[in-house]
Amino acid sequence: MALSITTKMSQDGKVATLDLVGEIDSLTAREFKKELEAAFVESEKLGTLKYLVLNLEGLEFMSSAGLRVFIFANQTKPDLNIHVIKPQEAILDALEKTGLMHSVKIVSENPES
């Protein structure tokens, strides 16, 4: 299955929301990273990005390549608050096993809406 990403930026550039549907593997992780980089650039034009909201409710699979994009976000923007909405059980398990749970906040709905 392919990956579909919809990105929304708040008017003040403080919140970027990415809705991810499908699967993140070694090929689609590149799309995820490019979309994330574009959100970072767009937010710099508008203000300072404070929240990255990743809606993973429709994401069915994420390989280690997707986890590397999470690490990239943490390293690029260390003060960024990353909220993950409704990850599937397998994705939640991967976040826990890799320790990335300590870098994100799991939520049931978009905290910025």
C-alpha atoms as a PDB file:
ATOM      1  CA  MET A   1       0.000   0.000   0.000  1.00  0.00           C
ATOM      2  CA  ALA A   2       1.168   3.522  -0.726  1.00  0.00           C
ATOM      3  CA  LEU A   3       1.466   6.401   1.683  1.00  0.00           C
ATOM      4  CA  SER A   4      -0.831   9.414   1.594  1.00  0.00           C
ATOM      5  CA  ILE A   5       0.147  12.536   3.535  1.00  0.00           C
ATOM      6  CA  THR A   6      -1.991  15.608   4.090  1.00  0.00           C
ATOM      7  CA  THR A   7      -0.277  18.548   5.764  1.00  0.00           C
ATOM      8  CA  LYS A   8      -1.981  21.469   7.470  1.00  0.00           C
ATOM      9  CA  MET A   9      -0.134  24.456   8.902  1.00  0.00           C
ATOM     10  CA  SER A  10      -1.623  26.846  11.429  1.00  0.00           C
ATOM     11  CA  GLN A  11      -1.750  30.462  10.291  1.00  0.00           C
ATOM     12  CA  ASP A  12       0.847  31.498  12.853  1.00  0.00           C
ATOM     13  CA  GLY A  13       3.219  28.655  11.903  1.00  0.00           C
ATOM     14  CA  LYS A  14       3.212  27.172  15.398  1.00  0.00           C
ATOM     15  CA  VAL A  15       1.408  23.909  14.585  1.00  0.00           C
ATOM     16  CA  ALA A  16       2.017  21.529  11.698  1.00  0.00           C
ATOM     17  CA  THR A  17      -0.383  18.606  11.397  1.00  0.00           C
ATOM     18  CA  LEU A  18       0.416  15.665   9.142  1.00  0.00           C
ATOM     19  CA  ASP A  19      -2.259  13.053   8.494  1.00  0.00           C
ATOM     20  CA  LEU A  20      -0.597   9.818   7.388  1.00  0.00           C
ATOM     21  CA  VAL A  21      -2.575   7.012   5.760  1.00  0.00           C
ATOM     22  CA  GLY A  22      -1.163   3.749   4.432  1.00  0.00           C
ATOM     23  CA  GLU A  23       2.283   2.354   5.127  1.00  0.00           C
ATOM     24  CA  ILE A  24       5.732   3.775   5.797  1.00  0.00           C
ATOM     25  CA  ASP A  25       8.498   1.562   4.450  1.00  0.00           C
ATOM     26  CA  SER A  26      11.976   2.299   3.080  1.00  0.00           C
ATOM     27  CA  LEU A  27      10.518   3.940  -0.038  1.00  0.00           C
ATOM     28  CA  THR A  28       7.651   5.927   1.451  1.00  0.00           C
ATOM     29  CA  ALA A  29       9.756   7.115   4.410  1.00  0.00           C
ATOM     30  CA  ARG A  30      11.430   9.470   1.934  1.00  0.00           C
ATOM     31  CA  GLU A  31       8.043  11.040   1.194  1.00  0.00           C
ATOM     32  CA  PHE A  32       7.371  11.384   4.922  1.00  0.00           C
ATOM     33  CA  LYS A  33      10.734  13.070   5.497  1.00  0.00           C
ATOM     34  CA  LYS A  34      10.279  15.454   2.519  1.00  0.00           C
ATOM     35  CA  GLU A  35       6.829  16.456   3.750  1.00  0.00           C
ATOM     36  CA  LEU A  36       8.203  17.027   7.238  1.00  0.00           C
ATOM     37  CA  GLU A  37      11.075  19.146   5.887  1.00  0.00           C
ATOM     38  CA  ALA A  38       8.588  21.184   3.835  1.00  0.00           C
ATOM     39  CA  ALA A  39       6.514  21.787   6.973  1.00  0.00           C
ATOM     40  CA  PHE A  40       9.634  22.962   8.812  1.00  0.00           C
ATOM     41  CA  VAL A  41      10.465  25.418   5.999  1.00  0.00           C
ATOM     42  CA  GLU A  42       6.877  26.684   5.790  1.00  0.00           C
ATOM     43  CA  SER A  43       6.684  27.231   9.546  1.00  0.00           C
ATOM     44  CA  GLU A  44       9.899  29.287   9.482  1.00  0.00           C
ATOM     45  CA  LYS A  45       8.217  31.695   7.056  1.00  0.00           C
ATOM     46  CA  LEU A  46       5.262  32.143   9.405  1.00  0.00           C
ATOM     47  CA  GLY A  47       6.732  31.894  12.871  1.00  0.00           C
ATOM     48  CA  THR A  48       8.271  29.300  15.148  1.00  0.00           C
ATOM     49  CA  LEU A  49       7.023  25.716  14.956  1.00  0.00           C
ATOM     50  CA  LYS A  50       6.106  24.542  18.451  1.00  0.00           C
ATOM     51  CA  TYR A  51       3.925  21.493  17.775  1.00  0.00           C
ATOM     52  CA  LEU A  52       4.177  18.692  15.260  1.00  0.00           C
ATOM     53  CA  VAL A  53       0.968  16.675  15.267  1.00  0.00           C
ATOM     54  CA  LEU A  54       1.170  13.318  13.506  1.00  0.00           C
ATOM     55  CA  ASN A  55      -2.209  11.703  12.943  1.00  0.00           C
ATOM     56  CA  LEU A  56      -1.337   8.018  12.604  1.00  0.00           C
ATOM     57  CA  GLU A  57      -4.861   6.653  12.930  1.00  0.00           C
ATOM     58  CA  GLY A  58      -4.841   5.587   9.261  1.00  0.00           C
ATOM     59  CA  LEU A  59      -1.238   4.358   9.259  1.00  0.00           C
ATOM     60  CA  GLU A  60      -1.221   0.560   9.094  1.00  0.00           C
ATOM     61  CA  PHE A  61       2.526  -0.143   9.082  1.00  0.00           C
ATOM     62  CA  MET A  62       5.758   1.661   9.877  1.00  0.00           C
ATOM     63  CA  SER A  63       9.207   0.160   9.324  1.00  0.00           C
ATOM     64  CA  SER A  64      12.436   1.273  10.958  1.00  0.00           C
ATOM     65  CA  ALA A  65      12.790   3.806   8.119  1.00  0.00           C
ATOM     66  CA  GLY A  66       9.730   5.599   9.469  1.00  0.00           C
ATOM     67  CA  LEU A  67      11.171   5.524  12.973  1.00  0.00           C
ATOM     68  CA  ARG A  68      14.304   7.212  11.598  1.00  0.00           C
ATOM     69  CA  VAL A  69      12.111  10.100  10.407  1.00  0.00           C
ATOM     70  CA  PHE A  70      10.863  10.499  13.989  1.00  0.00           C
ATOM     71  CA  ILE A  71      14.499  10.647  15.122  1.00  0.00           C
ATOM     72  CA  PHE A  72      15.245  13.179  12.365  1.00  0.00           C
ATOM     73  CA  ALA A  73      12.420  15.411  13.637  1.00  0.00           C
ATOM     74  CA  ASN A  74      13.750  15.206  17.197  1.00  0.00           C
ATOM     75  CA  GLN A  75      17.298  16.021  16.145  1.00  0.00           C
ATOM     76  CA  THR A  76      16.331  18.819  13.760  1.00  0.00           C
ATOM     77  CA  LYS A  77      13.907  20.523  16.165  1.00  0.00           C
ATOM     78  CA  PRO A  78      14.850  19.394  19.699  1.00  0.00           C
ATOM     79  CA  ASP A  79      12.370  21.812  21.358  1.00  0.00           C
ATOM     80  CA  LEU A  80       9.479  20.615  19.202  1.00  0.00           C
ATOM     81  CA  ASN A  81       6.488  19.031  20.955  1.00  0.00           C
ATOM     82  CA  ILE A  82       5.518  15.966  18.923  1.00  0.00           C
ATOM     83  CA  HIS A  83       1.987  14.653  19.432  1.00  0.00           C
ATOM     84  CA  VAL A  84       1.020  11.306  17.900  1.00  0.00           C
ATOM     85  CA  ILE A  85      -2.699  10.712  17.390  1.00  0.00           C
ATOM     86  CA  LYS A  86      -4.133   7.191  17.692  1.00  0.00           C
ATOM     87  CA  PRO A  87      -1.242   5.002  16.523  1.00  0.00           C
ATOM     88  CA  GLN A  88      -2.060   1.391  15.681  1.00  0.00           C
ATOM     89  CA  GLU A  89      -0.927  -1.156  18.289  1.00  0.00           C
ATOM     90  CA  ALA A  90       2.096  -2.341  16.258  1.00  0.00           C
ATOM     91  CA  ILE A  91       3.304   1.230  15.745  1.00  0.00           C
ATOM     92  CA  LEU A  92       2.806   2.044  19.413  1.00  0.00           C
ATOM     93  CA  ASP A  93       4.789  -1.075  20.275  1.00  0.00           C
ATOM     94  CA  ALA A  94       7.662   0.014  17.978  1.00  0.00           C
ATOM     95  CA  LEU A  95       7.715   3.470  19.584  1.00  0.00           C
ATOM     96  CA  GLU A  96       7.889   1.847  23.024  1.00  0.00           C
ATOM     97  CA  LYS A  97      10.604  -0.680  22.136  1.00  0.00           C
ATOM     98  CA  THR A  98      12.834   1.935  20.532  1.00  0.00           C
ATOM     99  CA  GLY A  99      12.438   4.427  23.361  1.00  0.00           C
ATOM    100  CA  LEU A 100      10.859   7.009  21.074  1.00  0.00           C
ATOM    101  CA  MET A 101       7.853   7.067  23.416  1.00  0.00           C
ATOM    102  CA  HIS A 102       9.916   9.405  25.599  1.00  0.00           C
ATOM    103  CA  SER A 103      10.176  11.905  22.720  1.00  0.00           C
ATOM    104  CA  VAL A 104       6.500  12.017  21.754  1.00  0.00           C
ATOM    105  CA  LYS A 105       3.142  12.383  23.434  1.00  0.00           C
ATOM    106  CA  ILE A 106       0.437   9.872  22.498  1.00  0.00           C
ATOM    107  CA  VAL A 107      -3.005  11.494  22.312  1.00  0.00           C
ATOM    108  CA  SER A 108      -6.468  10.436  21.199  1.00  0.00           C
ATOM    109  CA  GLU A 109      -7.277  13.627  19.299  1.00  0.00           C
ATOM    110  CA  ASN A 110      -5.542  16.688  17.912  1.00  0.00           C
ATOM    111  CA  PRO A 111      -4.675  18.768  20.972  1.00  0.00           C
ATOM    112  CA  GLU A 112      -4.462  21.928  18.856  1.00  0.00           C
ATOM    113  CA  SER A 113      -7.946  21.796  17.323  1.00  0.00           C
END
